[in-house]
Amino acid sequence: MAQYYEIRIKGHLDESWADWFDSMSLSHQDNGETLLSGALPDQAALHGVLNRLRDLGIELISVNMV
């Protein structure tokens, strides 16, 4: 069963990167962070998103299952 996640990263990630993060939506926050949110089918998909962020050198702030 898919779970809904919110992933906060440091800085405003350009909208052109949205396709890299599967079905997650990308929104800029007023505090300078980017929020990736959406449903992922399983833990492997979550790790895939987190690995992409790591590979791009993007600083992770938080990951929450909501």
Protein backbone atom coordinates (compact mmCIF):
# COMPACT_ATOMS: atom_id res chain seq x y z
CA MET A 1 0.00 0.00 0.00
CA ALA A 2 1.33 3.43 -0.92
CA GLN A 3 2.32 5.84 1.83
CA TYR A 4 2.26 9.65 1.65
CA TYR A 5 5.56 11.41 2.42
CA GLU A 6 6.77 14.96 2.92
CA ILE A 7 10.48 15.50 2.32
CA ARG A 8 12.01 18.88 3.15
CA ILE A 9 15.26 19.96 1.55
CA LYS A 10 17.44 23.03 1.94
CA GLY A 11 17.09 25.67 -0.77
CA HIS A 12 14.67 26.15 -3.61
CA LEU A 13 14.98 23.30 -6.08
CA ASP A 14 14.21 24.37 -9.65
CA GLU A 15 10.87 23.13 -11.00
CA SER A 16 12.68 21.41 -13.87
CA TRP A 17 13.84 18.73 -11.39
CA ALA A 18 10.27 17.63 -10.60
CA ASP A 19 10.39 14.74 -13.10
CA TRP A 20 13.36 13.27 -11.21
CA PHE A 21 11.25 12.64 -8.13
CA ASP A 22 8.60 10.24 -9.43
CA SER A 23 5.04 11.26 -8.57
CA MET A 24 6.03 13.76 -5.87
CA SER A 25 5.03 17.40 -6.15
CA LEU A 26 7.58 20.13 -5.57
CA SER A 27 6.72 23.37 -3.77
CA HIS A 28 8.86 26.25 -2.55
CA GLN A 29 8.40 27.36 1.05
CA ASP A 30 8.75 30.95 2.28
CA ASN A 31 11.59 29.90 4.60
CA GLY A 32 13.84 28.98 1.66
CA GLU A 33 13.15 25.24 1.74
CA THR A 34 11.60 22.99 -0.88
CA LEU A 35 8.88 20.50 0.04
CA LEU A 36 8.57 17.30 -1.96
CA SER A 37 5.27 15.59 -1.18
CA GLY A 38 3.33 12.68 -2.53
CA ALA A 39 2.54 8.99 -2.35
CA LEU A 40 5.26 6.41 -2.87
CA PRO A 41 4.42 2.74 -3.41
CA ASP A 42 6.99 1.29 -1.01
CA GLN A 43 10.21 1.80 0.96
CA ALA A 44 12.31 1.06 -2.12
CA ALA A 45 10.74 4.04 -3.91
CA LEU A 46 11.41 6.25 -0.87
CA HIS A 47 15.05 5.17 -0.83
CA GLY A 48 15.23 5.90 -4.56
CA VAL A 49 14.12 9.49 -3.98
CA LEU A 50 16.53 9.90 -1.05
CA ASN A 51 19.39 8.46 -3.12
CA ARG A 52 18.69 10.96 -5.91
CA LEU A 53 18.83 13.83 -3.43
CA ARG A 54 22.12 12.49 -2.06
CA ASP A 55 23.59 12.04 -5.54
CA LEU A 56 22.69 15.64 -6.40
CA GLY A 57 24.35 16.89 -3.20
CA ILE A 58 21.09 18.33 -1.88
CA GLU A 59 20.88 18.83 1.88
CA LEU A 60 18.05 16.86 3.47
CA ILE A 61 16.18 18.53 6.34
CA SER A 62 13.44 16.02 7.17
CA VAL A 63 11.40 13.04 5.99
CA ASN A 64 7.92 12.49 7.39
CA MET A 65 5.29 9.89 6.65
CA VAL A 66 1.91 11.61 6.96
